[in-house]
Amino acid sequence: MAGALLLAIGWKAAVQIEVHTDQADDLVAFFERNRFDVATEVMSGVPIVQASTASCRVQVARLSPDGANRDLIQHLFAGQDRSFVVFGGAVYAQQPIFWTVLSYFRSRFLRELGFAERAAAVISVAANSSCNAEQLPWHELSGM
């Protein structure tokens, strides 16, 4: 029993999932290309990109690949009408954790081999009801 506990804790300590915050610039550029007014802020330690037009208000935050910060981000986005996740340029109702973790480990393995591979971003998006945010060209972020 103690051995299994040590193995479980040791594995989690050895495999720390990094969340990169450097994609905020990519998100800002994405929204500016799509004619949004953009602002950034940090709420409860989470970088948030806020984008708006006359009829559309969107908040975006980066999710960790394992979904560890998912509840915090949902709490921060509580005032919005709809939310969804963007991963690999596709829109999902909820984070596809199996695929996001697999993508993270794949990119980490390739980086350790010396290839410059960045894990696909996992982005939580919240929008007001008058905004059709799911129809934005999220595929443009697939290389992010």
N, C-alpha and C. Protein backbone atom coordinates (compact mmCIF):
# COMPACT_ATOMS: atom_id res chain seq x y z
N MET A 1 0.82 -1.20 0.00
CA MET A 1 0.00 0.00 0.00
C MET A 1 0.87 1.26 0.00
N ALA A 2 1.87 1.27 0.87
CA ALA A 2 2.75 2.45 0.94
C ALA A 2 3.54 2.59 -0.35
N GLY A 3 3.93 1.46 -0.93
CA GLY A 3 4.66 1.50 -2.20
C GLY A 3 3.81 2.07 -3.32
N ALA A 4 2.56 1.68 -3.37
CA ALA A 4 1.66 2.21 -4.40
C ALA A 4 1.45 3.70 -4.22
N LEU A 5 1.34 4.14 -2.96
CA LEU A 5 1.17 5.56 -2.69
C LEU A 5 2.40 6.34 -3.12
N LEU A 6 3.59 5.83 -2.79
CA LEU A 6 4.82 6.50 -3.21
C LEU A 6 4.94 6.54 -4.72
N LEU A 7 4.57 5.46 -5.38
CA LEU A 7 4.63 5.43 -6.84
C LEU A 7 3.66 6.45 -7.44
N ALA A 8 2.46 6.53 -6.91
CA ALA A 8 1.47 7.47 -7.43
C ALA A 8 1.91 8.92 -7.22
N ILE A 9 2.41 9.22 -6.03
CA ILE A 9 2.86 10.59 -5.75
C ILE A 9 4.13 10.90 -6.52
N GLY A 10 5.06 9.96 -6.56
CA GLY A 10 6.32 10.17 -7.29
C GLY A 10 6.09 10.41 -8.76
N TRP A 11 5.18 9.68 -9.38
CA TRP A 11 4.89 9.85 -10.80
C TRP A 11 4.34 11.24 -11.06
N LYS A 12 3.42 11.71 -10.19
CA LYS A 12 2.84 13.04 -10.38
C LYS A 12 3.88 14.13 -10.17
N ALA A 13 4.81 13.93 -9.24
CA ALA A 13 5.85 14.93 -9.02
C ALA A 13 6.83 14.96 -10.18
N ALA A 14 7.11 13.80 -10.75
CA ALA A 14 8.07 13.73 -11.86
C ALA A 14 7.49 14.28 -13.15
N VAL A 15 6.20 14.18 -13.31
CA VAL A 15 5.55 14.61 -14.55
C VAL A 15 4.71 15.86 -14.27
N GLN A 16 5.37 16.95 -14.00
CA GLN A 16 4.68 18.22 -13.79
C GLN A 16 4.25 18.77 -15.14
N ILE A 17 3.03 19.16 -15.25
CA ILE A 17 2.52 19.73 -16.49
C ILE A 17 2.72 21.23 -16.44
N GLU A 18 3.43 21.74 -17.45
CA GLU A 18 3.68 23.17 -17.52
C GLU A 18 2.55 23.83 -18.27
N VAL A 19 2.16 25.00 -17.80
CA VAL A 19 1.18 25.81 -18.52
C VAL A 19 1.92 27.06 -18.96
N HIS A 20 2.06 27.24 -20.26
CA HIS A 20 2.76 28.40 -20.78
C HIS A 20 1.78 29.55 -20.94
N THR A 21 2.21 30.72 -20.51
CA THR A 21 1.35 31.89 -20.62
C THR A 21 1.77 32.79 -21.77
N ASP A 22 2.73 32.36 -22.57
CA ASP A 22 3.23 33.21 -23.65
C ASP A 22 2.29 33.27 -24.86
N GLN A 23 1.21 32.52 -24.86
CA GLN A 23 0.29 32.54 -25.99
C GLN A 23 -0.67 33.73 -25.94
N ALA A 24 -0.63 34.52 -24.89
CA ALA A 24 -1.53 35.68 -24.81
C ALA A 24 -1.33 36.60 -26.00
N ASP A 25 -0.08 36.80 -26.42
CA ASP A 25 0.17 37.65 -27.59
C ASP A 25 -0.46 37.08 -28.84
N ASP A 26 -0.41 35.75 -29.00
CA ASP A 26 -1.03 35.10 -30.15
C ASP A 26 -2.55 35.29 -30.12
N LEU A 27 -3.14 35.19 -28.94
CA LEU A 27 -4.59 35.38 -28.82
C LEU A 27 -4.98 36.82 -29.10
N VAL A 28 -4.20 37.76 -28.60
CA VAL A 28 -4.48 39.18 -28.86
C VAL A 28 -4.43 39.44 -30.36
N ALA A 29 -3.39 38.94 -31.03
CA ALA A 29 -3.27 39.13 -32.48
C ALA A 29 -4.44 38.48 -33.22
N PHE A 30 -4.86 37.29 -32.78
CA PHE A 30 -5.99 36.59 -33.40
C PHE A 30 -7.25 37.45 -33.34
N PHE A 31 -7.55 37.98 -32.17
CA PHE A 31 -8.76 38.79 -32.03
C PHE A 31 -8.65 40.11 -32.77
N GLU A 32 -7.48 40.72 -32.78
CA GLU A 32 -7.31 41.97 -33.53
C GLU A 32 -7.50 41.74 -35.03
N ARG A 33 -7.00 40.60 -35.55
CA ARG A 33 -7.23 40.28 -36.96
C ARG A 33 -8.71 40.13 -37.27
N ASN A 34 -9.47 39.70 -36.28
CA ASN A 34 -10.91 39.51 -36.46
C ASN A 34 -11.72 40.72 -35.98
N ARG A 35 -11.07 41.87 -35.93
CA ARG A 35 -11.69 43.17 -35.65
C ARG A 35 -12.34 43.29 -34.27
N PHE A 36 -11.70 42.73 -33.26
CA PHE A 36 -12.15 42.88 -31.88
C PHE A 36 -11.28 43.92 -31.18
N ASP A 37 -11.85 44.61 -30.22
CA ASP A 37 -11.06 45.41 -29.29
C ASP A 37 -10.58 44.46 -28.21
N VAL A 38 -9.30 44.52 -27.85
CA VAL A 38 -8.72 43.51 -26.98
C VAL A 38 -8.07 44.16 -25.75
N ALA A 39 -8.26 43.51 -24.61
CA ALA A 39 -7.59 43.89 -23.37
C ALA A 39 -7.15 42.62 -22.67
N THR A 40 -6.10 42.71 -21.89
CA THR A 40 -5.64 41.56 -21.11
C THR A 40 -5.60 41.95 -19.64
N GLU A 41 -5.82 40.97 -18.80
CA GLU A 41 -5.71 41.17 -17.36
C GLU A 41 -5.42 39.83 -16.70
N VAL A 42 -5.00 39.90 -15.45
CA VAL A 42 -4.74 38.70 -14.68
C VAL A 42 -5.76 38.67 -13.55
N MET A 43 -6.54 37.59 -13.51
CA MET A 43 -7.56 37.41 -12.48
C MET A 43 -7.23 36.14 -11.71
N SER A 44 -7.04 36.26 -10.41
CA SER A 44 -6.69 35.12 -9.55
C SER A 44 -5.49 34.36 -10.09
N GLY A 45 -4.53 35.09 -10.64
CA GLY A 45 -3.32 34.48 -11.16
C GLY A 45 -3.45 33.90 -12.56
N VAL A 46 -4.60 34.05 -13.18
CA VAL A 46 -4.85 33.49 -14.52
C VAL A 46 -4.87 34.62 -15.54
N PRO A 47 -3.99 34.56 -16.56
CA PRO A 47 -4.05 35.57 -17.63
C PRO A 47 -5.33 35.40 -18.44
N ILE A 48 -6.09 36.49 -18.58
CA ILE A 48 -7.36 36.48 -19.30
C ILE A 48 -7.26 37.47 -20.46
N VAL A 49 -7.69 37.04 -21.64
CA VAL A 49 -7.80 37.94 -22.78
C VAL A 49 -9.28 38.25 -22.95
N GLN A 50 -9.61 39.53 -22.95
CA GLN A 50 -10.99 39.96 -23.14
C GLN A 50 -11.08 40.65 -24.49
N ALA A 51 -11.99 40.18 -25.32
CA ALA A 51 -12.16 40.74 -26.66
C ALA A 51 -13.62 41.13 -26.84
N SER A 52 -13.84 42.26 -27.52
CA SER A 52 -15.22 42.69 -27.69
C SER A 52 -15.42 43.45 -28.99
N THR A 53 -16.64 43.36 -29.49
CA THR A 53 -17.13 44.19 -30.59
C THR A 53 -18.40 44.85 -30.05
N ALA A 54 -19.15 45.52 -30.92
CA ALA A 54 -20.37 46.18 -30.48
C ALA A 54 -21.37 45.19 -29.86
N SER A 55 -21.47 43.98 -30.42
CA SER A 55 -22.47 43.02 -29.95
C SER A 55 -21.88 41.76 -29.33
N CYS A 56 -20.58 41.67 -29.24
CA CYS A 56 -19.95 40.41 -28.82
C CYS A 56 -18.91 40.68 -27.73
N ARG A 57 -19.00 39.91 -26.65
CA ARG A 57 -18.00 39.98 -25.59
C ARG A 57 -17.48 38.57 -25.34
N VAL A 58 -16.16 38.41 -25.45
CA VAL A 58 -15.52 37.10 -25.31
C VAL A 58 -14.41 37.19 -24.27
N GLN A 59 -14.32 36.18 -23.42
CA GLN A 59 -13.21 36.03 -22.49
C GLN A 59 -12.52 34.72 -22.81
N VAL A 60 -11.18 34.75 -22.80
CA VAL A 60 -10.41 33.57 -23.17
C VAL A 60 -9.30 33.37 -22.15
N ALA A 61 -9.10 32.11 -21.75
CA ALA A 61 -8.00 31.76 -20.85
C ALA A 61 -7.42 30.42 -21.28
N ARG A 62 -6.17 30.24 -21.01
CA ARG A 62 -5.50 28.99 -21.35
C ARG A 62 -5.76 27.95 -20.26
N LEU A 63 -6.18 26.78 -20.67
CA LEU A 63 -6.38 25.66 -19.75
C LEU A 63 -5.12 24.82 -19.68
N SER A 64 -4.89 24.19 -18.53
CA SER A 64 -3.78 23.24 -18.46
C SER A 64 -4.20 21.97 -19.20
N PRO A 65 -3.26 21.25 -19.78
CA PRO A 65 -3.62 20.05 -20.55
C PRO A 65 -4.39 19.02 -19.74
N ASP A 66 -4.12 18.93 -18.42
CA ASP A 66 -4.81 17.94 -17.61
C ASP A 66 -6.10 18.47 -16.98
N GLY A 67 -6.46 19.71 -17.30
CA GLY A 67 -7.70 20.29 -16.80
C GLY A 67 -7.64 20.74 -15.35
N ALA A 68 -6.45 20.83 -14.77
CA ALA A 68 -6.32 21.17 -13.36
C ALA A 68 -6.89 22.54 -13.02
N ASN A 69 -6.83 23.48 -13.93
CA ASN A 69 -7.34 24.83 -13.65
C ASN A 69 -8.73 25.08 -14.25
N ARG A 70 -9.37 24.05 -14.70
CA ARG A 70 -10.67 24.16 -15.37
C ARG A 70 -11.75 24.77 -14.46
N ASP A 71 -11.84 24.32 -13.22
CA ASP A 71 -12.87 24.84 -12.31
C ASP A 71 -12.64 26.31 -11.98
N LEU A 72 -11.38 26.70 -11.79
CA LEU A 72 -11.06 28.09 -11.51
C LEU A 72 -11.48 28.98 -12.67
N ILE A 73 -11.16 28.56 -13.88
CA ILE A 73 -11.51 29.36 -15.05
C ILE A 73 -13.03 29.43 -15.24
N GLN A 74 -13.72 28.32 -15.00
CA GLN A 74 -15.19 28.35 -15.08
C GLN A 74 -15.77 29.33 -14.07
N HIS A 75 -15.17 29.39 -12.89
CA HIS A 75 -15.61 30.34 -11.86
C HIS A 75 -15.37 31.78 -12.32
N LEU A 76 -14.21 32.03 -12.92
CA LEU A 76 -13.89 33.38 -13.40
C LEU A 76 -14.81 33.82 -14.53
N PHE A 77 -15.29 32.85 -15.32
CA PHE A 77 -16.16 33.15 -16.46
C PHE A 77 -17.65 33.02 -16.11
N ALA A 78 -17.99 32.96 -14.84
CA ALA A 78 -19.36 32.67 -14.41
C ALA A 78 -20.40 33.64 -14.96
N GLY A 79 -20.05 34.88 -15.25
CA GLY A 79 -21.03 35.85 -15.72
C GLY A 79 -21.38 35.73 -17.19
N GLN A 80 -20.70 34.89 -17.93
CA GLN A 80 -20.96 34.76 -19.36
C GLN A 80 -22.07 33.74 -19.62
N ASP A 81 -22.70 33.85 -20.79
CA ASP A 81 -23.84 32.98 -21.12
C ASP A 81 -23.43 31.59 -21.61
N ARG A 82 -22.38 31.53 -22.42
CA ARG A 82 -21.96 30.26 -23.03
C ARG A 82 -20.46 30.09 -22.86
N SER A 83 -20.04 28.83 -22.82
CA SER A 83 -18.61 28.56 -22.80
C SER A 83 -18.32 27.30 -23.60
N PHE A 84 -17.09 27.23 -24.11
CA PHE A 84 -16.63 26.07 -24.86
C PHE A 84 -15.11 26.05 -24.80
N VAL A 85 -14.54 25.00 -25.35
CA VAL A 85 -13.09 24.81 -25.35
C VAL A 85 -12.61 24.71 -26.78
N VAL A 86 -11.47 25.33 -27.06
CA VAL A 86 -10.83 25.22 -28.36
C VAL A 86 -9.52 24.46 -28.16
N PHE A 87 -9.34 23.40 -28.93
CA PHE A 87 -8.11 22.60 -28.88
C PHE A 87 -7.79 22.14 -30.30
N GLY A 88 -6.59 22.40 -30.73
CA GLY A 88 -6.17 22.00 -32.07
C GLY A 88 -7.00 22.65 -33.16
N GLY A 89 -7.53 23.82 -32.89
CA GLY A 89 -8.34 24.52 -33.88
C GLY A 89 -9.79 24.08 -33.95
N ALA A 90 -10.17 23.10 -33.14
CA ALA A 90 -11.55 22.60 -33.13
C ALA A 90 -12.27 23.06 -31.86
N VAL A 91 -13.59 23.17 -31.94
CA VAL A 91 -14.42 23.61 -30.83
C VAL A 91 -15.04 22.39 -30.15
N TYR A 92 -14.97 22.35 -28.82
CA TYR A 92 -15.53 21.26 -28.02
C TYR A 92 -16.42 21.86 -26.93
N ALA A 93 -17.46 21.15 -26.55
CA ALA A 93 -18.32 21.60 -25.46
C ALA A 93 -17.56 21.56 -24.13
N GLN A 94 -16.72 20.54 -23.96
CA GLN A 94 -15.88 20.39 -22.77
C GLN A 94 -14.48 20.00 -23.20
N GLN A 95 -13.53 20.18 -22.30
CA GLN A 95 -12.14 19.85 -22.62
C GLN A 95 -11.99 18.35 -22.85
N PRO A 96 -11.44 17.95 -24.01
CA PRO A 96 -11.17 16.53 -24.28
C PRO A 96 -9.86 16.14 -23.59
N ILE A 97 -9.92 15.90 -22.28
CA ILE A 97 -8.71 15.77 -21.47
C ILE A 97 -7.79 14.67 -21.98
N PHE A 98 -8.33 13.53 -22.39
CA PHE A 98 -7.46 12.47 -22.90
C PHE A 98 -6.58 12.98 -24.03
N TRP A 99 -7.19 13.69 -24.99
CA TRP A 99 -6.44 14.17 -26.15
C TRP A 99 -5.49 15.32 -25.81
N THR A 100 -5.90 16.19 -24.87
CA THR A 100 -5.02 17.30 -24.52
C THR A 100 -3.80 16.82 -23.75
N VAL A 101 -3.98 15.85 -22.87
CA VAL A 101 -2.83 15.29 -22.15
C VAL A 101 -1.93 14.52 -23.11
N LEU A 102 -2.52 13.74 -24.00
CA LEU A 102 -1.73 13.00 -24.98
C LEU A 102 -0.92 13.96 -25.86
N SER A 103 -1.52 15.03 -26.30
CA SER A 103 -0.82 16.03 -27.11
C SER A 103 0.32 16.66 -26.33
N TYR A 104 0.07 16.96 -25.05
CA TYR A 104 1.11 17.55 -24.21
C TYR A 104 2.31 16.61 -24.09
N PHE A 105 2.06 15.34 -23.77
CA PHE A 105 3.17 14.40 -23.60
C PHE A 105 3.90 14.15 -24.92
N ARG A 106 3.17 14.13 -26.01
CA ARG A 106 3.81 13.96 -27.32
C ARG A 106 4.77 15.12 -27.60
N SER A 107 4.30 16.33 -27.38
CA SER A 107 5.16 17.49 -27.65
C SER A 107 6.33 17.55 -26.68
N ARG A 108 6.09 17.17 -25.43
CA ARG A 108 7.18 17.15 -24.45
C ARG A 108 8.24 16.13 -24.84
N PHE A 109 7.81 14.95 -25.28
CA PHE A 109 8.74 13.92 -25.72
C PHE A 109 9.57 14.41 -26.91
N LEU A 110 8.91 15.03 -27.88
CA LEU A 110 9.63 15.55 -29.05
C LEU A 110 10.60 16.66 -28.68
N ARG A 111 10.22 17.52 -27.71
CA ARG A 111 11.14 18.57 -27.25
C ARG A 111 12.38 17.96 -26.59
N GLU A 112 12.19 16.91 -25.82
CA GLU A 112 13.32 16.25 -25.16
C GLU A 112 14.23 15.58 -26.16
N LEU A 113 13.71 15.22 -27.32
CA LEU A 113 14.54 14.65 -28.39
C LEU A 113 15.24 15.74 -29.19
N GLY A 114 14.92 17.00 -28.91
CA GLY A 114 15.58 18.11 -29.59
C GLY A 114 14.76 18.77 -30.67
N PHE A 115 13.54 18.33 -30.85
CA PHE A 115 12.67 18.95 -31.84
C PHE A 115 11.92 20.11 -31.19
N ALA A 116 11.75 21.18 -31.91
CA ALA A 116 11.04 22.35 -31.38
C ALA A 116 9.55 22.14 -31.56
N GLU A 117 8.95 21.46 -30.64
CA GLU A 117 7.52 21.13 -30.72
C GLU A 117 6.80 21.79 -29.56
N ARG A 118 5.80 22.57 -29.85
CA ARG A 118 5.00 23.23 -28.83
C ARG A 118 3.67 22.50 -28.71
N ALA A 119 3.26 22.24 -27.49
CA ALA A 119 1.98 21.55 -27.28
C ALA A 119 0.84 22.42 -27.80
N ALA A 120 -0.15 21.77 -28.37
CA ALA A 120 -1.32 22.51 -28.86
C ALA A 120 -2.01 23.19 -27.69
N ALA A 121 -2.36 24.43 -27.87
CA ALA A 121 -3.01 25.19 -26.81
C ALA A 121 -4.41 24.66 -26.54
N VAL A 122 -4.78 24.70 -25.27
CA VAL A 122 -6.12 24.34 -24.84
C VAL A 122 -6.71 25.63 -24.28
N ILE A 123 -7.75 26.12 -24.91
CA ILE A 123 -8.27 27.44 -24.59
C ILE A 123 -9.73 27.35 -24.17
N SER A 124 -10.02 27.95 -23.03
CA SER A 124 -11.40 28.07 -22.57
C SER A 124 -11.95 29.40 -23.06
N VAL A 125 -13.13 29.36 -23.66
CA VAL A 125 -13.75 30.56 -24.24
C VAL A 125 -15.13 30.72 -23.63
N ALA A 126 -15.42 31.94 -23.18
CA ALA A 126 -16.76 32.27 -22.68
C ALA A 126 -17.26 33.48 -23.46
N ALA A 127 -18.54 33.46 -23.81
CA ALA A 127 -19.09 34.54 -24.64
C ALA A 127 -20.51 34.86 -24.21
N ASN A 128 -20.95 36.07 -24.54
CA ASN A 128 -22.34 36.44 -24.26
C ASN A 128 -23.26 35.81 -25.31
N SER A 129 -24.56 35.84 -25.04
CA SER A 129 -25.52 35.14 -25.90
C SER A 129 -25.65 35.74 -27.29
N SER A 130 -25.37 37.02 -27.46
CA SER A 130 -25.50 37.63 -28.79
C SER A 130 -24.26 37.42 -29.66
N CYS A 131 -23.29 36.72 -29.14
CA CYS A 131 -22.03 36.50 -29.86
C CYS A 131 -21.99 35.07 -30.41
N ASN A 132 -21.62 34.92 -31.64
CA ASN A 132 -21.50 33.61 -32.26
C ASN A 132 -20.02 33.20 -32.28
N ALA A 133 -19.42 33.15 -31.09
CA ALA A 133 -17.98 32.94 -30.96
C ALA A 133 -17.52 31.59 -31.51
N GLU A 134 -18.39 30.59 -31.49
CA GLU A 134 -18.00 29.28 -32.02
C GLU A 134 -17.64 29.35 -33.50
N GLN A 135 -18.15 30.35 -34.21
CA GLN A 135 -17.91 30.47 -35.65
C GLN A 135 -16.65 31.26 -36.00
N LEU A 136 -15.92 31.74 -35.00
CA LEU A 136 -14.65 32.42 -35.29
C LEU A 136 -13.68 31.43 -35.92
N PRO A 137 -12.71 31.89 -36.69
CA PRO A 137 -11.77 30.97 -37.35
C PRO A 137 -10.72 30.41 -36.39
N TRP A 138 -11.18 29.59 -35.44
CA TRP A 138 -10.31 29.04 -34.41
C TRP A 138 -9.20 28.18 -35.00
N HIS A 139 -9.39 27.65 -36.22
CA HIS A 139 -8.35 26.84 -36.85
C HIS A 139 -7.06 27.62 -37.02
N GLU A 140 -7.15 28.96 -37.04
CA GLU A 140 -5.94 29.78 -37.15
C GLU A 140 -5.03 29.61 -35.93
N LEU A 141 -5.59 29.15 -34.82
CA LEU A 141 -4.81 28.97 -33.60
C LEU A 141 -4.24 27.57 -33.47
N SER A 142 -4.48 26.70 -34.43
CA SER A 142 -4.04 25.30 -34.30
C SER A 142 -2.54 25.17 -34.20
N GLY A 143 -1.78 26.12 -34.73
CA GLY A 143 -0.33 26.07 -34.62
C GLY A 143 0.20 26.73 -33.37
N MET A 144 -0.70 27.22 -32.54
CA MET A 144 -0.30 27.96 -31.35
C MET A 144 0.13 27.04 -30.25
